[in-house]
């Protein structure tokens, strides 16, 4: 895998982990709203200064964007069952809280 592809995959992974859309990260960096989209689509590659800024916004070291073994495609296995259980648990708690708030207002 090329260094640019490793960078793109890591960028996408860390961006999502921080809850940024491509546009939101671009704007946070003060760049064109489609800048990160273009990087992830392989039509652009950032300068060293921009890589430093991206890492700072994402709260990681710039080198983490280039580590192949840290690349999500190679290291993160998606566990669909665990994800669904976590999602249902979170939704259940939100529903329970909403019902309690509703009942407090009505009773």
C-alpha atoms as a PDB file:
ATOM      1  CA  UNK A   1       0.000   0.000   0.000  1.00  0.00           C
ATOM      2  CA  UNK A   2       1.352   3.444  -0.879  1.00  0.00           C
ATOM      3  CA  UNK A   3       2.162   6.062   1.754  1.00  0.00           C
ATOM      4  CA  UNK A   4      -0.542   8.312   0.292  1.00  0.00           C
ATOM      5  CA  UNK A   5      -3.167   5.576   0.597  1.00  0.00           C
ATOM      6  CA  UNK A   6      -2.127   4.871   4.183  1.00  0.00           C
ATOM      7  CA  UNK A   7      -2.432   8.590   4.909  1.00  0.00           C
ATOM      8  CA  UNK A   8      -5.902   8.799   3.318  1.00  0.00           C
ATOM      9  CA  UNK A   9      -7.220   5.788   5.202  1.00  0.00           C
ATOM     10  CA  UNK A  10      -5.820   7.007   8.517  1.00  0.00           C
ATOM     11  CA  UNK A  11      -7.161  10.514   7.901  1.00  0.00           C
ATOM     12  CA  UNK A  12     -10.644   9.125   7.278  1.00  0.00           C
ATOM     13  CA  UNK A  13     -10.441   6.899  10.357  1.00  0.00           C
ATOM     14  CA  UNK A  14      -9.251   9.608  12.768  1.00  0.00           C
ATOM     15  CA  UNK A  15     -11.663  12.164  11.284  1.00  0.00           C
ATOM     16  CA  UNK A  16     -14.613   9.865  11.912  1.00  0.00           C
ATOM     17  CA  UNK A  17     -13.341   8.965  15.385  1.00  0.00           C
ATOM     18  CA  UNK A  18     -13.428  12.682  16.263  1.00  0.00           C
ATOM     19  CA  UNK A  19     -16.922  13.049  14.785  1.00  0.00           C
ATOM     20  CA  UNK A  20     -15.957  15.378  11.929  1.00  0.00           C
ATOM     21  CA  UNK A  21     -17.524  15.325   8.500  1.00  0.00           C
ATOM     22  CA  UNK A  22     -15.146  16.024   5.635  1.00  0.00           C
ATOM     23  CA  UNK A  23     -16.583  19.521   5.280  1.00  0.00           C
ATOM     24  CA  UNK A  24     -16.440  20.260   9.015  1.00  0.00           C
ATOM     25  CA  UNK A  25     -12.771  19.288   9.234  1.00  0.00           C
ATOM     26  CA  UNK A  26     -11.963  21.401   6.169  1.00  0.00           C
ATOM     27  CA  UNK A  27     -13.702  24.400   7.709  1.00  0.00           C
ATOM     28  CA  UNK A  28     -12.022  23.845  11.083  1.00  0.00           C
ATOM     29  CA  UNK A  29      -8.703  24.029   9.214  1.00  0.00           C
ATOM     30  CA  UNK A  30      -9.802  27.227   7.456  1.00  0.00           C
ATOM     31  CA  UNK A  31      -9.680  25.553   4.059  1.00  0.00           C
ATOM     32  CA  UNK A  32     -12.091  25.080   1.179  1.00  0.00           C
ATOM     33  CA  UNK A  33     -15.080  23.032   2.431  1.00  0.00           C
ATOM     34  CA  UNK A  34     -14.273  20.256  -0.062  1.00  0.00           C
ATOM     35  CA  UNK A  35     -10.539  20.082   0.733  1.00  0.00           C
ATOM     36  CA  UNK A  36     -10.665  16.939   2.901  1.00  0.00           C
ATOM     37  CA  UNK A  37     -13.101  15.377   0.431  1.00  0.00           C
ATOM     38  CA  UNK A  38     -10.515  15.912  -2.308  1.00  0.00           C
ATOM     39  CA  UNK A  39      -7.734  14.380  -0.209  1.00  0.00           C
ATOM     40  CA  UNK A  40      -9.796  11.304   0.626  1.00  0.00           C
ATOM     41  CA  UNK A  41     -10.849  11.011  -3.035  1.00  0.00           C
ATOM     42  CA  UNK A  42      -7.162  10.888  -4.022  1.00  0.00           C
ATOM     43  CA  UNK A  43      -7.235  14.075  -6.095  1.00  0.00           C
ATOM     44  CA  UNK A  44      -5.087  16.129  -3.681  1.00  0.00           C
ATOM     45  CA  UNK A  45      -2.338  15.592  -1.156  1.00  0.00           C
ATOM     46  CA  UNK A  46      -1.686  18.121   1.610  1.00  0.00           C
ATOM     47  CA  UNK A  47       1.486  20.038   2.321  1.00  0.00           C
ATOM     48  CA  UNK A  48       3.572  19.273   5.415  1.00  0.00           C
ATOM     49  CA  UNK A  49       2.127  22.364   7.116  1.00  0.00           C
ATOM     50  CA  UNK A  50      -1.434  21.202   6.410  1.00  0.00           C
ATOM     51  CA  UNK A  51      -0.630  17.709   7.687  1.00  0.00           C
ATOM     52  CA  UNK A  52       0.587  19.284  10.940  1.00  0.00           C
ATOM     53  CA  UNK A  53      -2.652  21.303  11.184  1.00  0.00           C
ATOM     54  CA  UNK A  54      -4.820  18.260  10.462  1.00  0.00           C
ATOM     55  CA  UNK A  55      -3.059  16.251  13.160  1.00  0.00           C
ATOM     56  CA  UNK A  56      -3.431  19.101  15.650  1.00  0.00           C
ATOM     57  CA  UNK A  57      -7.180  19.412  15.009  1.00  0.00           C
ATOM     58  CA  UNK A  58      -7.575  15.627  15.277  1.00  0.00           C
ATOM     59  CA  UNK A  59      -5.523  15.532  18.498  1.00  0.00           C
ATOM     60  CA  UNK A  60      -2.922  13.101  17.170  1.00  0.00           C
ATOM     61  CA  UNK A  61       0.738  13.145  16.193  1.00  0.00           C
ATOM     62  CA  UNK A  62       1.325  13.771  12.462  1.00  0.00           C
ATOM     63  CA  UNK A  63       3.250  10.492  12.269  1.00  0.00           C
ATOM     64  CA  UNK A  64       0.089   8.573  13.231  1.00  0.00           C
ATOM     65  CA  UNK A  65      -1.330   9.468   9.826  1.00  0.00           C
ATOM     66  CA  UNK A  66       1.451   7.480   8.134  1.00  0.00           C
ATOM     67  CA  UNK A  67       1.672   4.299  10.242  1.00  0.00           C
ATOM     68  CA  UNK A  68       0.509   1.339   8.179  1.00  0.00           C
ATOM     69  CA  UNK A  69      -0.063  -1.008  11.102  1.00  0.00           C
ATOM     70  CA  UNK A  70      -2.226   1.700  12.623  1.00  0.00           C
ATOM     71  CA  UNK A  71      -4.201   1.931   9.421  1.00  0.00           C
ATOM     72  CA  UNK A  72      -7.845   1.139  10.211  1.00  0.00           C
ATOM     73  CA  UNK A  73      -8.184  -1.172   7.210  1.00  0.00           C
ATOM     74  CA  UNK A  74      -5.434  -3.364   8.671  1.00  0.00           C
ATOM     75  CA  UNK A  75      -6.141  -3.122  12.401  1.00  0.00           C
ATOM     76  CA  UNK A  76      -9.794  -2.394  13.078  1.00  0.00           C
ATOM     77  CA  UNK A  77     -12.219  -5.231  12.676  1.00  0.00           C
ATOM     78  CA  UNK A  78     -15.814  -4.081  12.650  1.00  0.00           C
ATOM     79  CA  UNK A  79     -17.915  -6.107  15.078  1.00  0.00           C
ATOM     80  CA  UNK A  80     -21.465  -5.701  13.803  1.00  0.00           C
ATOM     81  CA  UNK A  81     -23.052  -7.484  16.778  1.00  0.00           C
ATOM     82  CA  UNK A  82     -21.217  -5.379  19.358  1.00  0.00           C
ATOM     83  CA  UNK A  83     -22.039  -2.202  17.419  1.00  0.00           C
ATOM     84  CA  UNK A  84     -25.748  -3.062  17.292  1.00  0.00           C
ATOM     85  CA  UNK A  85     -25.787  -3.890  21.015  1.00  0.00           C
ATOM     86  CA  UNK A  86     -24.071  -0.599  21.858  1.00  0.00           C
ATOM     87  CA  UNK A  87     -26.462   1.318  19.622  1.00  0.00           C
ATOM     88  CA  UNK A  88     -29.558  -0.327  21.091  1.00  0.00           C
ATOM     89  CA  UNK A  89     -28.268   0.269  24.620  1.00  0.00           C
ATOM     90  CA  UNK A  90     -27.702   3.953  23.884  1.00  0.00           C
ATOM     91  CA  UNK A  91     -31.098   4.336  22.252  1.00  0.00           C
ATOM     92  CA  UNK A  92     -32.782   2.517  25.141  1.00  0.00           C
ATOM     93  CA  UNK A  93     -31.222   4.903  27.659  1.00  0.00           C
ATOM     94  CA  UNK A  94     -32.327   7.917  25.631  1.00  0.00           C
ATOM     95  CA  UNK A  95     -35.870   6.591  25.326  1.00  0.00           C
ATOM     96  CA  UNK A  96     -35.996   5.866  29.059  1.00  0.00           C
ATOM     97  CA  UNK A  97     -34.817   9.410  29.858  1.00  0.00           C
ATOM     98  CA  UNK A  98     -37.333  10.914  27.432  1.00  0.00           C
ATOM     99  CA  UNK A  99     -40.195   8.899  28.942  1.00  0.00           C
ATOM    100  CA  UNK A 100     -39.211   9.938  32.468  1.00  0.00           C
ATOM    101  CA  UNK A 101     -39.063  13.632  31.456  1.00  0.00           C
ATOM    102  CA  UNK A 102     -42.408  13.360  29.698  1.00  0.00           C
ATOM    103  CA  UNK A 103     -44.043  11.719  32.696  1.00  0.00           C
ATOM    104  CA  UNK A 104     -42.613  14.339  35.065  1.00  0.00           C
ATOM    105  CA  UNK A 105     -44.291  17.067  33.008  1.00  0.00           C
ATOM    106  CA  UNK A 106     -47.611  15.231  32.708  1.00  0.00           C
ATOM    107  CA  UNK A 107     -47.985  13.879  36.230  1.00  0.00           C
END
